[in-house]
Amino acid sequence: GMVHYFTTEETTTCTPNIRVSSAVSLNDIMTAGDVVTVTVITTA
C-alpha cells in the first residue's frame, strides 16, 4: 500500500527504508519522470 499506519506509540528514532518489496526495488519499477506519493502515519 501507499499509506502505512503504525498503531503503537513511537518512542525512538529510526531510519525507515522505502522500497517495493524485499525482492523489488523502487529503482526497478521507476524511470525518469515517474513519481509516487507515500504516507507514513505513526502514533506520536
ModelCIF file with pLDDT and N, C-alpha, C, O atoms, coordinates in Angstrom:
data_MODEL
#
_entry.id   MODEL 
#
_entity.id                         1 
_entity.type                       polymer 
_entity.pdbx_number_of_molecules   1 
#
_entity_poly.entity_id                      1 
_entity_poly.type                           'polypeptide(L)' 
_entity_poly.nstd_linkage                   no 
_entity_poly.nstd_monomer                   no 
_entity_poly.pdbx_seq_one_letter_code       GMVHYFTTEETTTCTPNIRVSSAVSLNDIMTAGDVVTVTVITTA 
_entity_poly.pdbx_seq_one_letter_code_can   GMVHYFTTEETTTCTPNIRVSSAVSLNDIMTAGDVVTVTVITTA 
_entity_poly.pdbx_strand_id                 A 
#
loop_
_entity_poly_seq.entity_id 
_entity_poly_seq.num 
_entity_poly_seq.mon_id 
_entity_poly_seq.hetero 
1 1  GLY n 
1 2  MET n 
1 3  VAL n 
1 4  HIS n 
1 5  TYR n 
1 6  PHE n 
1 7  THR n 
1 8  THR n 
1 9  GLU n 
1 10 GLU n 
1 11 THR n 
1 12 THR n 
1 13 THR n 
1 14 CYS n 
1 15 THR n 
1 16 PRO n 
1 17 ASN n 
1 18 ILE n 
1 19 ARG n 
1 20 VAL n 
1 21 SER n 
1 22 SER n 
1 23 ALA n 
1 24 VAL n 
1 25 SER n 
1 26 LEU n 
1 27 ASN n 
1 28 ASP n 
1 29 ILE n 
1 30 MET n 
1 31 THR n 
1 32 ALA n 
1 33 GLY n 
1 34 ASP n 
1 35 VAL n 
1 36 VAL n 
1 37 THR n 
1 38 VAL n 
1 39 THR n 
1 40 VAL n 
1 41 ILE n 
1 42 THR n 
1 43 THR n 
1 44 ALA n 
#
_struct_asym.id          A 
_struct_asym.entity_id   1 
#
loop_
_ma_qa_metric.id 
_ma_qa_metric.mode 
_ma_qa_metric.name 
_ma_qa_metric.software_group_id 
_ma_qa_metric.type 
1 global pLDDT . pLDDT 
2 local  pLDDT . pLDDT 
#
_ma_qa_metric_global.metric_id      1 
_ma_qa_metric_global.metric_value   95.80 
_ma_qa_metric_global.model_id       1 
_ma_qa_metric_global.ordinal_id     1 
#
loop_
_ma_qa_metric_local.label_asym_id 
_ma_qa_metric_local.label_comp_id 
_ma_qa_metric_local.label_seq_id 
_ma_qa_metric_local.metric_id 
_ma_qa_metric_local.metric_value 
_ma_qa_metric_local.model_id 
_ma_qa_metric_local.ordinal_id 
A GLY 1  2 97.00 1 1  
A MET 2  2 98.00 1 2  
A VAL 3  2 98.00 1 3  
A HIS 4  2 98.00 1 4  
A TYR 5  2 98.00 1 5  
A PHE 6  2 97.00 1 6  
A THR 7  2 96.00 1 7  
A THR 8  2 96.00 1 8  
A GLU 9  2 94.00 1 9  
A GLU 10 2 93.00 1 10 
A THR 11 2 92.00 1 11 
A THR 12 2 93.00 1 12 
A THR 13 2 95.00 1 13 
A CYS 14 2 95.00 1 14 
A THR 15 2 97.00 1 15 
A PRO 16 2 97.00 1 16 
A ASN 17 2 98.00 1 17 
A ILE 18 2 98.00 1 18 
A ARG 19 2 97.00 1 19 
A VAL 20 2 97.00 1 20 
A SER 21 2 98.00 1 21 
A SER 22 2 97.00 1 22 
A ALA 23 2 97.00 1 23 
A VAL 24 2 96.00 1 24 
A SER 25 2 94.00 1 25 
A LEU 26 2 94.00 1 26 
A ASN 27 2 92.00 1 27 
A ASP 28 2 91.00 1 28 
A ILE 29 2 94.00 1 29 
A MET 30 2 94.00 1 30 
A THR 31 2 93.00 1 31 
A ALA 32 2 93.00 1 32 
A GLY 33 2 95.00 1 33 
A ASP 34 2 96.00 1 34 
A VAL 35 2 97.00 1 35 
A VAL 36 2 97.00 1 36 
A THR 37 2 98.00 1 37 
A VAL 38 2 98.00 1 38 
A THR 39 2 98.00 1 39 
A VAL 40 2 98.00 1 40 
A ILE 41 2 97.00 1 41 
A THR 42 2 97.00 1 42 
A THR 43 2 95.00 1 43 
A ALA 44 2 92.00 1 44 
#
loop_
_atom_site.group_PDB 
_atom_site.id 
_atom_site.type_symbol 
_atom_site.label_atom_id 
_atom_site.label_alt_id 
_atom_site.label_comp_id 
_atom_site.label_asym_id 
_atom_site.label_entity_id 
_atom_site.label_seq_id 
_atom_site.pdbx_PDB_ins_code 
_atom_site.Cartn_x 
_atom_site.Cartn_y 
_atom_site.Cartn_z 
_atom_site.occupancy 
_atom_site.B_iso_or_equiv 
_atom_site.pdbx_formal_charge 
_atom_site.auth_seq_id 
_atom_site.auth_comp_id 
_atom_site.auth_asym_id 
_atom_site.auth_atom_id 
_atom_site.pdbx_PDB_model_num 
ATOM 1   N N  . GLY A 1 1  ? 0.827  -1.202 0.000   1.00 97.00 ? 1  GLY A N  1 
ATOM 2   C CA . GLY A 1 1  ? 0.000  0.000  0.000   1.00 97.00 ? 1  GLY A CA 1 
ATOM 3   C C  . GLY A 1 1  ? 0.858  1.248  0.000   1.00 97.00 ? 1  GLY A C  1 
ATOM 4   O O  . GLY A 1 1  ? 2.050  1.199  0.306   1.00 97.00 ? 1  GLY A O  1 
ATOM 5   N N  . MET A 1 2  ? 0.244  2.361  -0.345  1.00 98.00 ? 2  MET A N  1 
ATOM 6   C CA . MET A 1 2  ? 0.952  3.639  -0.395  1.00 98.00 ? 2  MET A CA 1 
ATOM 7   C C  . MET A 1 2  ? 0.798  4.422  0.904   1.00 98.00 ? 2  MET A C  1 
ATOM 8   O O  . MET A 1 2  ? 1.451  5.449  1.094   1.00 98.00 ? 2  MET A O  1 
ATOM 9   N N  . VAL A 1 3  ? -0.065 3.941  1.800   1.00 98.00 ? 3  VAL A N  1 
ATOM 10  C CA . VAL A 1 3  ? -0.250 4.546  3.118   1.00 98.00 ? 3  VAL A CA 1 
ATOM 11  C C  . VAL A 1 3  ? 0.047  3.465  4.152   1.00 98.00 ? 3  VAL A C  1 
ATOM 12  O O  . VAL A 1 3  ? -0.488 2.359  4.081   1.00 98.00 ? 3  VAL A O  1 
ATOM 13  N N  . HIS A 1 4  ? 0.909  3.798  5.115   1.00 98.00 ? 4  HIS A N  1 
ATOM 14  C CA . HIS A 1 4  ? 1.298  2.854  6.164   1.00 98.00 ? 4  HIS A CA 1 
ATOM 15  C C  . HIS A 1 4  ? 1.015  3.493  7.516   1.00 98.00 ? 4  HIS A C  1 
ATOM 16  O O  . HIS A 1 4  ? 1.505  4.580  7.821   1.00 98.00 ? 4  HIS A O  1 
ATOM 17  N N  . TYR A 1 5  ? 0.213  2.796  8.325   1.00 98.00 ? 5  TYR A N  1 
ATOM 18  C CA . TYR A 1 5  ? -0.216 3.294  9.628   1.00 98.00 ? 5  TYR A CA 1 
ATOM 19  C C  . TYR A 1 5  ? 0.298  2.355  10.714  1.00 98.00 ? 5  TYR A C  1 
ATOM 20  O O  . TYR A 1 5  ? -0.015 1.165  10.714  1.00 98.00 ? 5  TYR A O  1 
ATOM 21  N N  . PHE A 1 6  ? 1.095  2.899  11.643  1.00 97.00 ? 6  PHE A N  1 
ATOM 22  C CA . PHE A 1 6  ? 1.661  2.142  12.752  1.00 97.00 ? 6  PHE A CA 1 
ATOM 23  C C  . PHE A 1 6  ? 0.911  2.521  14.021  1.00 97.00 ? 6  PHE A C  1 
ATOM 24  O O  . PHE A 1 6  ? 0.899  3.685  14.420  1.00 97.00 ? 6  PHE A O  1 
ATOM 25  N N  . THR A 1 7  ? 0.278  1.522  14.660  1.00 96.00 ? 7  THR A N  1 
ATOM 26  C CA . THR A 1 7  ? -0.665 1.791  15.747  1.00 96.00 ? 7  THR A CA 1 
ATOM 27  C C  . THR A 1 7  ? -0.026 1.885  17.132  1.00 96.00 ? 7  THR A C  1 
ATOM 28  O O  . THR A 1 7  ? -0.679 2.327  18.078  1.00 96.00 ? 7  THR A O  1 
ATOM 29  N N  . THR A 1 8  ? 1.232  1.479  17.269  1.00 96.00 ? 8  THR A N  1 
ATOM 30  C CA . THR A 1 8  ? 1.896  1.518  18.567  1.00 96.00 ? 8  THR A CA 1 
ATOM 31  C C  . THR A 1 8  ? 2.689  2.813  18.701  1.00 96.00 ? 8  THR A C  1 
ATOM 32  O O  . THR A 1 8  ? 3.358  3.237  17.759  1.00 96.00 ? 8  THR A O  1 
ATOM 33  N N  . GLU A 1 9  ? 2.613  3.436  19.869  1.00 94.00 ? 9  GLU A N  1 
ATOM 34  C CA . GLU A 1 9  ? 3.299  4.705  20.108  1.00 94.00 ? 9  GLU A CA 1 
ATOM 35  C C  . GLU A 1 9  ? 4.792  4.582  19.801  1.00 94.00 ? 9  GLU A C  1 
ATOM 36  O O  . GLU A 1 9  ? 5.469  3.671  20.277  1.00 94.00 ? 9  GLU A O  1 
ATOM 37  N N  . GLU A 1 10 ? 5.289  5.525  18.991  1.00 93.00 ? 10 GLU A N  1 
ATOM 38  C CA . GLU A 1 10 ? 6.704  5.541  18.603  1.00 93.00 ? 10 GLU A CA 1 
ATOM 39  C C  . GLU A 1 10 ? 7.520  6.253  19.673  1.00 93.00 ? 10 GLU A C  1 
ATOM 40  O O  . GLU A 1 10 ? 7.247  7.411  19.990  1.00 93.00 ? 10 GLU A O  1 
ATOM 41  N N  . THR A 1 11 ? 8.522  5.573  20.236  1.00 92.00 ? 11 THR A N  1 
ATOM 42  C CA . THR A 1 11 ? 9.289  6.149  21.339  1.00 92.00 ? 11 THR A CA 1 
ATOM 43  C C  . THR A 1 11 ? 10.778 6.264  21.047  1.00 92.00 ? 11 THR A C  1 
ATOM 44  O O  . THR A 1 11 ? 11.563 6.496  21.966  1.00 92.00 ? 11 THR A O  1 
ATOM 45  N N  . THR A 1 12 ? 11.181 6.110  19.801  1.00 93.00 ? 12 THR A N  1 
ATOM 46  C CA . THR A 1 12 ? 12.594 6.192  19.458  1.00 93.00 ? 12 THR A CA 1 
ATOM 47  C C  . THR A 1 12 ? 12.753 6.754  18.043  1.00 93.00 ? 12 THR A C  1 
ATOM 48  O O  . THR A 1 12 ? 11.771 6.913  17.318  1.00 93.00 ? 12 THR A O  1 
ATOM 49  N N  . THR A 1 13 ? 13.968 7.045  17.666  1.00 95.00 ? 13 THR A N  1 
ATOM 50  C CA . THR A 1 13 ? 14.231 7.488  16.300  1.00 95.00 ? 13 THR A CA 1 
ATOM 51  C C  . THR A 1 13 ? 14.635 6.288  15.453  1.00 95.00 ? 13 THR A C  1 
ATOM 52  O O  . THR A 1 13 ? 15.114 5.279  15.971  1.00 95.00 ? 13 THR A O  1 
ATOM 53  N N  . CYS A 1 14 ? 14.435 6.411  14.149  1.00 95.00 ? 14 CYS A N  1 
ATOM 54  C CA . CYS A 1 14 ? 14.834 5.339  13.246  1.00 95.00 ? 14 CYS A CA 1 
ATOM 55  C C  . CYS A 1 14 ? 15.017 5.907  11.846  1.00 95.00 ? 14 CYS A C  1 
ATOM 56  O O  . CYS A 1 14 ? 14.653 7.050  11.569  1.00 95.00 ? 14 CYS A O  1 
ATOM 57  N N  . THR A 1 15 ? 15.591 5.085  10.968  1.00 97.00 ? 15 THR A N  1 
ATOM 58  C CA . THR A 1 15 ? 15.776 5.458  9.573   1.00 97.00 ? 15 THR A CA 1 
ATOM 59  C C  . THR A 1 15 ? 15.006 4.447  8.725   1.00 97.00 ? 15 THR A C  1 
ATOM 60  O O  . THR A 1 15 ? 15.549 3.399  8.379   1.00 97.00 ? 15 THR A O  1 
ATOM 61  N N  . PRO A 1 16 ? 13.760 4.742  8.388   1.00 97.00 ? 16 PRO A N  1 
ATOM 62  C CA . PRO A 1 16 ? 12.955 3.811  7.586   1.00 97.00 ? 16 PRO A CA 1 
ATOM 63  C C  . PRO A 1 16 ? 13.455 3.720  6.142   1.00 97.00 ? 16 PRO A C  1 
ATOM 64  O O  . PRO A 1 16 ? 14.117 4.629  5.641   1.00 97.00 ? 16 PRO A O  1 
ATOM 65  N N  . ASN A 1 17 ? 13.128 2.621  5.495   1.00 98.00 ? 17 ASN A N  1 
ATOM 66  C CA . ASN A 1 17 ? 13.528 2.340  4.132   1.00 98.00 ? 17 ASN A CA 1 
ATOM 67  C C  . ASN A 1 17 ? 12.292 2.138  3.251   1.00 98.00 ? 17 ASN A C  1 
ATOM 68  O O  . ASN A 1 17 ? 11.467 1.266  3.524   1.00 98.00 ? 17 ASN A O  1 
ATOM 69  N N  . ILE A 1 18 ? 12.168 2.943  2.197   1.00 98.00 ? 18 ILE A N  1 
ATOM 70  C CA . ILE A 1 18 ? 11.052 2.818  1.255   1.00 98.00 ? 18 ILE A CA 1 
ATOM 71  C C  . ILE A 1 18 ? 11.500 1.954  0.088   1.00 98.00 ? 18 ILE A C  1 
ATOM 72  O O  . ILE A 1 18 ? 12.531 2.220  -0.530  1.00 98.00 ? 18 ILE A O  1 
ATOM 73  N N  . ARG A 1 19 ? 10.725 0.921  -0.213  1.00 97.00 ? 19 ARG A N  1 
ATOM 74  C CA . ARG A 1 19 ? 11.012 0.001  -1.314  1.00 97.00 ? 19 ARG A CA 1 
ATOM 75  C C  . ARG A 1 19 ? 9.692  -0.576 -1.806  1.00 97.00 ? 19 ARG A C  1 
ATOM 76  O O  . ARG A 1 19 ? 8.643  -0.297 -1.225  1.00 97.00 ? 19 ARG A O  1 
ATOM 77  N N  . VAL A 1 20 ? 9.729  -1.363 -2.851  1.00 97.00 ? 20 VAL A N  1 
ATOM 78  C CA . VAL A 1 20 ? 8.501  -2.009 -3.322  1.00 97.00 ? 20 VAL A CA 1 
ATOM 79  C C  . VAL A 1 20 ? 8.248  -3.273 -2.504  1.00 97.00 ? 20 VAL A C  1 
ATOM 80  O O  . VAL A 1 20 ? 7.146  -3.483 -1.996  1.00 97.00 ? 20 VAL A O  1 
ATOM 81  N N  . SER A 1 21 ? 9.273  -4.109 -2.382  1.00 98.00 ? 21 SER A N  1 
ATOM 82  C CA . SER A 1 21 ? 9.203  -5.337 -1.581  1.00 98.00 ? 21 SER A CA 1 
ATOM 83  C C  . SER A 1 21 ? 10.627 -5.796 -1.324  1.00 98.00 ? 21 SER A C  1 
ATOM 84  O O  . SER A 1 21 ? 11.579 -5.152 -1.764  1.00 98.00 ? 21 SER A O  1 
ATOM 85  N N  . SER A 1 22 ? 10.776 -6.901 -0.616  1.00 97.00 ? 22 SER A N  1 
ATOM 86  C CA . SER A 1 22 ? 12.125 -7.408 -0.356  1.00 97.00 ? 22 SER A CA 1 
ATOM 87  C C  . SER A 1 22 ? 12.810 -7.867 -1.641  1.00 97.00 ? 22 SER A C  1 
ATOM 88  O O  . SER A 1 22 ? 14.037 -7.945 -1.692  1.00 97.00 ? 22 SER A O  1 
ATOM 89  N N  . ALA A 1 23 ? 12.030 -8.173 -2.679  1.00 97.00 ? 23 ALA A N  1 
ATOM 90  C CA . ALA A 1 23 ? 12.596 -8.666 -3.939  1.00 97.00 ? 23 ALA A CA 1 
ATOM 91  C C  . ALA A 1 23 ? 12.624 -7.619 -5.053  1.00 97.00 ? 23 ALA A C  1 
ATOM 92  O O  . ALA A 1 23 ? 13.305 -7.811 -6.061  1.00 97.00 ? 23 ALA A O  1 
ATOM 93  N N  . VAL A 1 24 ? 11.886 -6.503 -4.882  1.00 96.00 ? 24 VAL A N  1 
ATOM 94  C CA . VAL A 1 24 ? 11.769 -5.500 -5.954  1.00 96.00 ? 24 VAL A CA 1 
ATOM 95  C C  . VAL A 1 24 ? 12.078 -4.125 -5.375  1.00 96.00 ? 24 VAL A C  1 
ATOM 96  O O  . VAL A 1 24 ? 11.508 -3.727 -4.359  1.00 96.00 ? 24 VAL A O  1 
ATOM 97  N N  . SER A 1 25 ? 12.979 -3.407 -6.026  1.00 94.00 ? 25 SER A N  1 
ATOM 98  C CA . SER A 1 25 ? 13.328 -2.061 -5.576  1.00 94.00 ? 25 SER A CA 1 
ATOM 99  C C  . SER A 1 25 ? 12.461 -1.019 -6.280  1.00 94.00 ? 25 SER A C  1 
ATOM 100 O O  . SER A 1 25 ? 11.878 -1.282 -7.332  1.00 94.00 ? 25 SER A O  1 
ATOM 101 N N  . LEU A 1 26 ? 12.389 0.158  -5.683  1.00 94.00 ? 26 LEU A N  1 
ATOM 102 C CA . LEU A 1 26 ? 11.695 1.272  -6.323  1.00 94.00 ? 26 LEU A CA 1 
ATOM 103 C C  . LEU A 1 26 ? 12.420 1.659  -7.612  1.00 94.00 ? 26 LEU A C  1 
ATOM 104 O O  . LEU A 1 26 ? 11.794 2.023  -8.607  1.00 94.00 ? 26 LEU A O  1 
ATOM 105 N N  . ASN A 1 27 ? 13.731 1.575  -7.575  1.00 92.00 ? 27 ASN A N  1 
ATOM 106 C CA . ASN A 1 27 ? 14.535 1.872  -8.757  1.00 92.00 ? 27 ASN A CA 1 
ATOM 107 C C  . ASN A 1 27 ? 14.193 0.924  -9.917  1.00 92.00 ? 27 ASN A C  1 
ATOM 108 O O  . ASN A 1 27 ? 14.271 1.319  -11.080 1.00 92.00 ? 27 ASN A O  1 
ATOM 109 N N  . ASP A 1 28 ? 13.812 -0.330 -9.602  1.00 91.00 ? 28 ASP A N  1 
ATOM 110 C CA . ASP A 1 28 ? 13.460 -1.313 -10.642 1.00 91.00 ? 28 ASP A CA 1 
ATOM 111 C C  . ASP A 1 28 ? 12.213 -0.918 -11.422 1.00 91.00 ? 28 ASP A C  1 
ATOM 112 O O  . ASP A 1 28 ? 12.118 -1.187 -12.620 1.00 91.00 ? 28 ASP A O  1 
ATOM 113 N N  . ILE A 1 29 ? 11.251 -0.278 -10.746 1.00 94.00 ? 29 ILE A N  1 
ATOM 114 C CA . ILE A 1 29 ? 9.957  -0.035 -11.402 1.00 94.00 ? 29 ILE A CA 1 
ATOM 115 C C  . ILE A 1 29 ? 9.759  1.393  -11.883 1.00 94.00 ? 29 ILE A C  1 
ATOM 116 O O  . ILE A 1 29 ? 8.801  1.676  -12.603 1.00 94.00 ? 29 ILE A O  1 
ATOM 117 N N  . MET A 1 30 ? 10.660 2.305  -11.490 1.00 94.00 ? 30 MET A N  1 
ATOM 118 C CA . MET A 1 30 ? 10.502 3.710  -11.882 1.00 94.00 ? 30 MET A CA 1 
ATOM 119 C C  . MET A 1 30 ? 11.543 4.095  -12.928 1.00 94.00 ? 30 MET A C  1 
ATOM 120 O O  . MET A 1 30 ? 12.678 3.618  -12.905 1.00 94.00 ? 30 MET A O  1 
ATOM 121 N N  . THR A 1 31 ? 11.132 4.969  -13.846 1.00 93.00 ? 31 THR A N  1 
ATOM 122 C CA . THR A 1 31 ? 12.062 5.565  -14.799 1.00 93.00 ? 31 THR A CA 1 
ATOM 123 C C  . THR A 1 31 ? 11.978 7.079  -14.645 1.00 93.00 ? 31 THR A C  1 
ATOM 124 O O  . THR A 1 31 ? 11.056 7.593  -14.012 1.00 93.00 ? 31 THR A O  1 
ATOM 125 N N  . ALA A 1 32 ? 12.938 7.787  -15.222 1.00 93.00 ? 32 ALA A N  1 
ATOM 126 C CA . ALA A 1 32 ? 12.991 9.248  -15.094 1.00 93.00 ? 32 ALA A CA 1 
ATOM 127 C C  . ALA A 1 32 ? 11.640 9.862  -15.455 1.00 93.00 ? 32 ALA A C  1 
ATOM 128 O O  . ALA A 1 32 ? 11.080 9.579  -16.513 1.00 93.00 ? 32 ALA A O  1 
ATOM 129 N N  . GLY A 1 33 ? 11.134 10.696 -14.570 1.00 95.00 ? 33 GLY A N  1 
ATOM 130 C CA . GLY A 1 33 ? 9.844  11.361 -14.759 1.00 95.00 ? 33 GLY A CA 1 
ATOM 131 C C  . GLY A 1 33 ? 8.702  10.712 -13.999 1.00 95.00 ? 33 GLY A C  1 
ATOM 132 O O  . GLY A 1 33 ? 7.638  11.315 -13.865 1.00 95.00 ? 33 GLY A O  1 
ATOM 133 N N  . ASP A 1 34 ? 8.895  9.497  -13.496 1.00 96.00 ? 34 ASP A N  1 
ATOM 134 C CA . ASP A 1 34 ? 7.857  8.847  -12.694 1.00 96.00 ? 34 ASP A CA 1 
ATOM 135 C C  . ASP A 1 34 ? 7.834  9.461  -11.301 1.00 96.00 ? 34 ASP A C  1 
ATOM 136 O O  . ASP A 1 34 ? 8.848  9.970  -10.824 1.00 96.00 ? 34 ASP A O  1 
ATOM 137 N N  . VAL A 1 35 ? 6.668  9.412  -10.645 1.00 97.00 ? 35 VAL A N  1 
ATOM 138 C CA . VAL A 1 35 ? 6.508  9.959  -9.299  1.00 97.00 ? 35 VAL A CA 1 
ATOM 139 C C  . VAL A 1 35 ? 5.577  9.057  -8.489  1.00 97.00 ? 35 VAL A C  1 
ATOM 140 O O  . VAL A 1 35 ? 4.611  8.508  -9.019  1.00 97.00 ? 35 VAL A O  1 
ATOM 141 N N  . VAL A 1 36 ? 5.879  8.913  -7.203  1.00 97.00 ? 36 VAL A N  1 
ATOM 142 C CA . VAL A 1 36 ? 4.994  8.219  -6.264  1.00 97.00 ? 36 VAL A CA 1 
ATOM 143 C C  . VAL A 1 36 ? 4.837  9.095  -5.033  1.00 97.00 ? 36 VAL A C  1 
ATOM 144 O O  . VAL A 1 36 ? 5.723  9.882  -4.698  1.00 97.00 ? 36 VAL A O  1 
ATOM 145 N N  . THR A 1 37 ? 3.708  8.950  -4.369  1.00 98.00 ? 37 THR A N  1 
ATOM 146 C CA . THR A 1 37 ? 3.462  9.647  -3.119  1.00 98.00 ? 37 THR A CA 1 
ATOM 147 C C  . THR A 1 37 ? 3.204  8.605  -2.042  1.00 98.00 ? 37 THR A C  1 
ATOM 148 O O  . THR A 1 37 ? 2.353  7.728  -2.198  1.00 98.00 ? 37 THR A O  1 
ATOM 149 N N  . VAL A 1 38 ? 3.948  8.712  -0.952  1.00 98.00 ? 38 VAL A N  1 
ATOM 150 C CA . VAL A 1 38 ? 3.882  7.742  0.135   1.00 98.00 ? 38 VAL A CA 1 
ATOM 151 C C  . VAL A 1 38 ? 3.534  8.491  1.418   1.00 98.00 ? 38 VAL A C  1 
ATOM 152 O O  . VAL A 1 38 ? 4.067  9.571  1.675   1.00 98.00 ? 38 VAL A O  1 
ATOM 153 N N  . THR A 1 39 ? 2.640  7.919  2.219   1.00 98.00 ? 39 THR A N  1 
ATOM 154 C CA . THR A 1 39 ? 2.272  8.490  3.512   1.00 98.00 ? 39 THR A CA 1 
ATOM 155 C C  . THR A 1 39 ? 2.546  7.459  4.593   1.00 98.00 ? 39 THR A C  1 
ATOM 156 O O  . THR A 1 39 ? 2.148  6.300  4.481   1.00 98.00 ? 39 THR A O  1 
ATOM 157 N N  . VAL A 1 40 ? 3.237  7.901  5.648   1.00 98.00 ? 40 VAL A N  1 
ATOM 158 C CA . VAL A 1 40 ? 3.523  7.044  6.792   1.00 98.00 ? 40 VAL A CA 1 
ATOM 159 C C  . VAL A 1 40 ? 2.975  7.748  8.037   1.00 98.00 ? 40 VAL A C  1 
ATOM 160 O O  . VAL A 1 40 ? 3.314  8.897  8.319   1.00 98.00 ? 40 VAL A O  1 
ATOM 161 N N  . ILE A 1 41 ? 2.119  7.033  8.774   1.00 97.00 ? 41 ILE A N  1 
ATOM 162 C CA . ILE A 1 41 ? 1.463  7.587  9.953   1.00 97.00 ? 41 ILE A CA 1 
ATOM 163 C C  . ILE A 1 41 ? 1.936  6.815  11.172  1.00 97.00 ? 41 ILE A C  1 
ATOM 164 O O  . ILE A 1 41 ? 1.845  5.588  11.222  1.00 97.00 ? 41 ILE A O  1 
ATOM 165 N N  . THR A 1 42 ? 2.446  7.556  12.162  1.00 97.00 ? 42 THR A N  1 
ATOM 166 C CA . THR A 1 42 ? 2.878  6.922  13.410  1.00 97.00 ? 42 THR A CA 1 
ATOM 167 C C  . THR A 1 42 ? 2.087  7.501  14.574  1.00 97.00 ? 42 THR A C  1 
ATOM 168 O O  . THR A 1 42 ? 1.628  8.642  14.516  1.00 97.00 ? 42 THR A O  1 
ATOM 169 N N  . THR A 1 43 ? 1.932  6.714  15.623  1.00 95.00 ? 43 THR A N  1 
ATOM 170 C CA . THR A 1 43 ? 1.297  7.198  16.838  1.00 95.00 ? 43 THR A CA 1 
ATOM 171 C C  . THR A 1 43 ? 2.342  8.020  17.582  1.00 95.00 ? 43 THR A C  1 
ATOM 172 O O  . THR A 1 43 ? 3.399  7.510  17.954  1.00 95.00 ? 43 THR A O  1 
ATOM 173 N N  . ALA A 1 44 ? 2.035  9.299  17.795  1.00 92.00 ? 44 ALA A N  1 
ATOM 174 C CA . ALA A 1 44 ? 3.037  10.290 18.205  1.00 92.00 ? 44 ALA A CA 1 
ATOM 175 C C  . ALA A 1 44 ? 3.520  10.136 19.635  1.00 92.00 ? 44 ALA A C  1 
ATOM 176 O O  . ALA A 1 44 ? 4.362  10.911 20.089  1.00 92.00 ? 44 ALA A O  1 
#
